[in-house]
PDB file of N, CA and C in Angstrom:
ATOM      1  N   MET A   1      22.182 -13.001 -51.488  1.00  0.00           N
ATOM      2  CA  MET A   1      21.800 -13.757 -51.323  1.00  0.00           C
ATOM      3  C   MET A   1      22.796 -14.727 -52.415  1.00  0.00           C
ATOM      4  N   ARG A   2      23.907 -14.684 -53.122  1.00  0.00           N
ATOM      5  CA  ARG A   2      24.684 -15.562 -53.331  1.00  0.00           C
ATOM      6  C   ARG A   2      25.202 -15.869 -52.261  1.00  0.00           C
ATOM      7  N   LEU A   3      25.737 -15.039 -51.418  1.00  0.00           N
ATOM      8  CA  LEU A   3      26.359 -15.545 -50.443  1.00  0.00           C
ATOM      9  C   LEU A   3      25.516 -16.758 -49.710  1.00  0.00           C
ATOM     10  N   GLY A   4      24.487 -16.563 -49.051  1.00  0.00           N
ATOM     11  CA  GLY A   4      23.523 -17.567 -48.417  1.00  0.00           C
ATOM     12  C   GLY A   4      23.385 -18.974 -49.652  1.00  0.00           C
ATOM     13  N   PHE A   5      23.181 -18.704 -50.548  1.00  0.00           N
ATOM     14  CA  PHE A   5      23.517 -19.844 -51.465  1.00  0.00           C
ATOM     15  C   PHE A   5      25.091 -20.492 -51.010  1.00  0.00           C
ATOM     16  N   ALA A   6      26.002 -19.957 -51.157  1.00  0.00           N
ATOM     17  CA  ALA A   6      27.272 -20.263 -50.885  1.00  0.00           C
ATOM     18  C   ALA A   6      27.466 -20.766 -49.851  1.00  0.00           C
ATOM     19  N   THR A   7      26.836 -20.282 -48.690  1.00  0.00           N
ATOM     20  CA  THR A   7      27.023 -20.820 -47.224  1.00  0.00           C
ATOM     21  C   THR A   7      26.459 -22.322 -46.984  1.00  0.00           C
ATOM     22  N   ARG A   8      25.066 -21.966 -48.069  1.00  0.00           N
ATOM     23  CA  ARG A   8      24.471 -23.657 -47.484  1.00  0.00           C
ATOM     24  C   ARG A   8      24.928 -24.832 -48.735  1.00  0.00           C
ATOM     25  N   ALA A   9      25.550 -24.534 -49.390  1.00  0.00           N
ATOM     26  CA  ALA A   9      26.533 -25.430 -50.335  1.00  0.00           C
ATOM     27  C   ALA A   9      27.712 -25.622 -49.658  1.00  0.00           C
ATOM     28  N   LEU A  10      28.186 -24.881 -48.826  1.00  0.00           N
ATOM     29  CA  LEU A  10      29.408 -25.245 -47.934  1.00  0.00           C
ATOM     30  C   LEU A  10      29.146 -26.585 -46.835  1.00  0.00           C
ATOM     31  N   VAL A  11      28.268 -26.012 -46.688  1.00  0.00           N
ATOM     32  CA  VAL A  11      27.325 -26.865 -45.400  1.00  0.00           C
ATOM     33  C   VAL A  11      26.805 -28.666 -45.654  1.00  0.00           C
ATOM     34  N   ASP A  12      26.162 -28.231 -47.028  1.00  0.00           N
ATOM     35  CA  ASP A  12      25.359 -29.403 -47.769  1.00  0.00           C
ATOM     36  C   ASP A  12      26.064 -30.091 -48.854  1.00  0.00           C
ATOM     37  N   SER A  13      27.321 -30.027 -49.517  1.00  0.00           N
ATOM     38  CA  SER A  13      27.983 -30.720 -50.449  1.00  0.00           C
ATOM     39  C   SER A  13      29.339 -30.764 -49.797  1.00  0.00           C
ATOM     40  N   THR A  14      30.210 -31.712 -50.966  1.00  0.00           N
ATOM     41  CA  THR A  14      31.192 -31.705 -50.789  1.00  0.00           C
ATOM     42  C   THR A  14      32.485 -31.134 -51.877  1.00  0.00           C
ATOM     43  N   GLN A  15      31.544 -30.187 -52.465  1.00  0.00           N
ATOM     44  CA  GLN A  15      32.260 -29.420 -53.977  1.00  0.00           C
ATOM     45  C   GLN A  15      33.155 -28.866 -53.163  1.00  0.00           C
ATOM     46  N   SER A  16      34.328 -28.297 -54.057  1.00  0.00           N
ATOM     47  CA  SER A  16      35.336 -27.568 -53.858  1.00  0.00           C
ATOM     48  C   SER A  16      34.895 -26.529 -53.264  1.00  0.00           C
ATOM     49  N   VAL A  17      35.339 -25.584 -52.513  1.00  0.00           N
ATOM     50  CA  VAL A  17      34.941 -23.721 -52.006  1.00  0.00           C
ATOM     51  C   VAL A  17      35.073 -22.974 -53.602  1.00  0.00           C
ATOM     52  N   SER A  18      36.003 -23.957 -54.603  1.00  0.00           N
ATOM     53  CA  SER A  18      35.920 -22.678 -56.058  1.00  0.00           C
ATOM     54  C   SER A  18      34.963 -23.088 -56.923  1.00  0.00           C
ATOM     55  N   GLU A  19      34.440 -24.432 -56.758  1.00  0.00           N
ATOM     56  CA  GLU A  19      32.903 -24.745 -57.414  1.00  0.00           C
ATOM     57  C   GLU A  19      32.369 -24.121 -56.985  1.00  0.00           C
ATOM     58  N   ILE A  20      31.889 -23.857 -55.617  1.00  0.00           N
ATOM     59  CA  ILE A  20      30.635 -23.433 -55.285  1.00  0.00           C
ATOM     60  C   ILE A  20      30.760 -21.534 -55.607  1.00  0.00           C
ATOM     61  N   CYS A  21      31.999 -21.290 -55.272  1.00  0.00           N
ATOM     62  CA  CYS A  21      32.342 -19.861 -55.808  1.00  0.00           C
ATOM     63  C   CYS A  21      31.790 -19.746 -57.278  1.00  0.00           C
ATOM     64  N   TYR A  22      32.195 -20.556 -58.108  1.00  0.00           N
ATOM     65  CA  TYR A  22      31.516 -20.168 -59.647  1.00  0.00           C
ATOM     66  C   TYR A  22      30.128 -20.603 -59.266  1.00  0.00           C
ATOM     67  N   ASP A  23      29.384 -21.400 -59.354  1.00  0.00           N
ATOM     68  CA  ASP A  23      28.002 -22.081 -58.905  1.00  0.00           C
ATOM     69  C   ASP A  23      27.532 -20.679 -58.548  1.00  0.00           C
ATOM     70  N   CYS A  24      27.737 -19.861 -57.641  1.00  0.00           N
ATOM     71  CA  CYS A  24      27.160 -18.922 -56.946  1.00  0.00           C
ATOM     72  C   CYS A  24      26.723 -17.554 -57.746  1.00  0.00           C
ATOM     73  N   GLY A  25      27.802 -17.982 -58.507  1.00  0.00           N
ATOM     74  CA  GLY A  25      27.747 -16.561 -59.740  1.00  0.00           C
ATOM     75  C   GLY A  25      28.852 -15.402 -59.502  1.00  0.00           C
ATOM     76  N   PHE A  26      29.880 -15.998 -58.462  1.00  0.00           N
ATOM     77  CA  PHE A  26      31.171 -15.100 -58.535  1.00  0.00           C
ATOM     78  C   PHE A  26      31.951 -15.367 -59.720  1.00  0.00           C
ATOM     79  N   ASN A  27      32.700 -14.368 -59.914  1.00  0.00           N
ATOM     80  CA  ASN A  27      33.270 -14.804 -60.865  1.00  0.00           C
ATOM     81  C   ASN A  27      35.086 -14.647 -60.593  1.00  0.00           C
ATOM     82  N   ASN A  28      35.838 -14.938 -59.579  1.00  0.00           N
ATOM     83  CA  ASN A  28      37.028 -14.686 -59.422  1.00  0.00           C
ATOM     84  C   ASN A  28      36.713 -14.969 -57.536  1.00  0.00           C
ATOM     85  N   VAL A  29      37.537 -16.066 -57.243  1.00  0.00           N
ATOM     86  CA  VAL A  29      37.498 -17.041 -55.798  1.00  0.00           C
ATOM     87  C   VAL A  29      38.060 -16.038 -54.855  1.00  0.00           C
ATOM     88  N   SER A  30      39.129 -15.173 -55.531  1.00  0.00           N
ATOM     89  CA  SER A  30      39.624 -14.249 -54.083  1.00  0.00           C
ATOM     90  C   SER A  30      38.659 -12.972 -53.656  1.00  0.00           C
ATOM     91  N   TYR A  31      37.820 -12.706 -54.720  1.00  0.00           N
ATOM     92  CA  TYR A  31      36.569 -11.946 -54.131  1.00  0.00           C
ATOM     93  C   TYR A  31      36.033 -12.646 -53.336  1.00  0.00           C
ATOM     94  N   PHE A  32      35.536 -13.816 -53.908  1.00  0.00           N
ATOM     95  CA  PHE A  32      34.364 -14.192 -52.845  1.00  0.00           C
ATOM     96  C   PHE A  32      35.085 -14.883 -51.442  1.00  0.00           C
ATOM     97  N   ASN A  33      36.247 -15.003 -51.739  1.00  0.00           N
ATOM     98  CA  ASN A  33      36.494 -15.387 -50.267  1.00  0.00           C
ATOM     99  C   ASN A  33      36.820 -13.823 -49.502  1.00  0.00           C
ATOM    100  N   ARG A  34      37.399 -12.812 -50.124  1.00  0.00           N
ATOM    101  CA  ARG A  34      37.115 -11.509 -49.233  1.00  0.00           C
ATOM    102  C   ARG A  34      35.501 -11.321 -48.912  1.00  0.00           C
ATOM    103  N   ILE A  35      34.822 -10.953 -49.698  1.00  0.00           N
ATOM    104  CA  ILE A  35      33.155 -10.719 -49.185  1.00  0.00           C
ATOM    105  C   ILE A  35      33.106 -11.988 -48.541  1.00  0.00           C
ATOM    106  N   PHE A  36      33.437 -13.647 -48.630  1.00  0.00           N
ATOM    107  CA  PHE A  36      32.806 -14.048 -47.346  1.00  0.00           C
ATOM    108  C   PHE A  36      32.887 -14.157 -45.965  1.00  0.00           C
ATOM    109  N   LYS A  37      34.494 -13.795 -46.138  1.00  0.00           N
ATOM    110  CA  LYS A  37      35.201 -13.509 -44.593  1.00  0.00           C
ATOM    111  C   LYS A  37      34.607 -12.098 -43.690  1.00  0.00           C
ATOM    112  N   LYS A  38      34.466 -11.156 -44.755  1.00  0.00           N
ATOM    113  CA  LYS A  38      33.800  -9.742 -44.329  1.00  0.00           C
ATOM    114  C   LYS A  38      32.689  -9.813 -43.562  1.00  0.00           C
ATOM    115  N   LYS A  39      31.628 -10.702 -44.092  1.00  0.00           N
ATOM    116  CA  LYS A  39      30.437 -11.066 -43.734  1.00  0.00           C
ATOM    117  C   LYS A  39      29.941 -12.217 -42.424  1.00  0.00           C
ATOM    118  N   LYS A  40      30.878 -13.238 -42.615  1.00  0.00           N
ATOM    119  CA  LYS A  40      30.548 -14.413 -41.965  1.00  0.00           C
ATOM    120  C   LYS A  40      31.881 -14.511 -40.927  1.00  0.00           C
ATOM    121  N   GLY A  41      33.043 -13.404 -41.327  1.00  0.00           N
ATOM    122  CA  GLY A  41      34.062 -13.638 -39.895  1.00  0.00           C
ATOM    123  C   GLY A  41      34.966 -14.460 -40.105  1.00  0.00           C
ATOM    124  N   CYS A  42      35.212 -15.491 -41.404  1.00  0.00           N
ATOM    125  CA  CYS A  42      35.818 -16.377 -41.166  1.00  0.00           C
ATOM    126  C   CYS A  42      35.777 -16.817 -42.946  1.00  0.00           C
ATOM    127  N   ALA A  43      36.880 -17.283 -42.897  1.00  0.00           N
ATOM    128  CA  ALA A  43      37.155 -17.674 -44.615  1.00  0.00           C
ATOM    129  C   ALA A  43      36.219 -19.165 -44.813  1.00  0.00           C
ATOM    130  N   PRO A  44      35.889 -19.192 -46.318  1.00  0.00           N
ATOM    131  CA  PRO A  44      34.459 -20.104 -46.406  1.00  0.00           C
ATOM    132  C   PRO A  44      35.150 -21.629 -46.162  1.00  0.00           C
ATOM    133  N   LYS A  45      36.920 -22.305 -46.177  1.00  0.00           N
ATOM    134  CA  LYS A  45      36.997 -22.912 -45.825  1.00  0.00           C
ATOM    135  C   LYS A  45      37.205 -23.615 -44.115  1.00  0.00           C
ATOM    136  N   GLN A  46      37.502 -22.331 -43.811  1.00  0.00           N
ATOM    137  CA  GLN A  46      37.570 -22.548 -41.915  1.00  0.00           C
ATOM    138  C   GLN A  46      35.810 -22.433 -41.675  1.00  0.00           C
ATOM    139  N   PHE A  47      35.061 -22.077 -42.621  1.00  0.00           N
ATOM    140  CA  PHE A  47      33.630 -21.881 -41.989  1.00  0.00           C
ATOM    141  C   PHE A  47      33.207 -23.417 -42.248  1.00  0.00           C
ATOM    142  N   ARG A  48      33.556 -24.176 -43.396  1.00  0.00           N
ATOM    143  CA  ARG A  48      32.976 -25.524 -43.384  1.00  0.00           C
ATOM    144  C   ARG A  48      33.605 -26.479 -42.380  1.00  0.00           C
ATOM    145  N   GLU A  49      34.840 -26.217 -42.212  1.00  0.00           N
ATOM    146  CA  GLU A  49      35.587 -27.249 -40.953  1.00  0.00           C
ATOM    147  C   GLU A  49      35.141 -27.179 -39.916  1.00  0.00           C
ATOM    148  N   TYR A  50      34.469 -25.742 -38.879  1.00  0.00           N
ATOM    149  CA  TYR A  50      33.896 -25.619 -38.248  1.00  0.00           C
ATOM    150  C   TYR A  50      32.717 -25.805 -37.910  1.00  0.00           C
ATOM    151  N   TYR A  51      31.731 -25.850 -38.983  1.00  0.00           N
ATOM    152  CA  TYR A  51      30.144 -26.094 -38.862  1.00  0.00           C
ATOM    153  C   TYR A  51      30.532 -27.970 -38.844  1.00  0.00           C
ATOM    154  N   ARG A  52      31.505 -28.584 -39.629  1.00  0.00           N
ATOM    155  CA  ARG A  52      31.354 -30.081 -39.846  1.00  0.00           C
ATOM    156  C   ARG A  52      32.025 -30.825 -38.194  1.00  0.00           C
ATOM    157  N   ARG A  53      32.907 -29.856 -37.844  1.00  0.00           N
ATOM    158  CA  ARG A  53      33.362 -30.385 -36.319  1.00  0.00           C
ATOM    159  C   ARG A  53      32.019 -29.987 -35.034  1.00  0.00           C
ATOM    160  N   ASN A  54      31.912 -29.060 -35.777  1.00  0.00           N
ATOM    161  CA  ASN A  54      30.459 -28.737 -34.465  1.00  0.00           C
ATOM    162  C   ASN A  54      29.232 -29.126 -34.541  1.00  0.00           C
ATOM    163  N   ARG A  55      28.452 -29.760 -35.635  1.00  0.00           N
ATOM    164  CA  ARG A  55      27.840 -30.196 -35.729  1.00  0.00           C
ATOM    165  C   ARG A  55      26.893 -31.078 -35.223  1.00  0.00           C
ATOM    166  N   VAL A  56      25.932 -30.988 -34.823  1.00  0.00           N
ATOM    167  CA  VAL A  56      25.125 -31.939 -33.957  1.00  0.00           C
ATOM    168  C   VAL A  56      23.910 -32.829 -34.542  1.00  0.00           C
ATOM    169  N   LEU A  57      23.848 -33.763 -34.692  1.00  0.00           N
ATOM    170  CA  LEU A  57      23.160 -34.712 -35.202  1.00  0.00           C
ATOM    171  C   LEU A  57      22.018 -35.122 -34.324  1.00  0.00           C
ATOM    172  N   VAL A  58      20.393 -35.200 -34.693  1.00  0.00           N
ATOM    173  CA  VAL A  58      19.422 -35.367 -33.749  1.00  0.00           C
ATOM    174  C   VAL A  58      19.101 -36.620 -34.543  1.00  0.00           C
TER     175      VAL A  58
END
């Protein structure tokens, strides 16, 4: 559930990855990065960059 909130925050906000990490209840940025990469297949920063490049506006 925390990862879902983090994913949404990465897409919708301009907060840093570490701010999002702590806001979503993770106590350690490296743990957050590890779990995010394991579940989503890429690092949070890469996820944000990929989403912003491939975003389609309707």
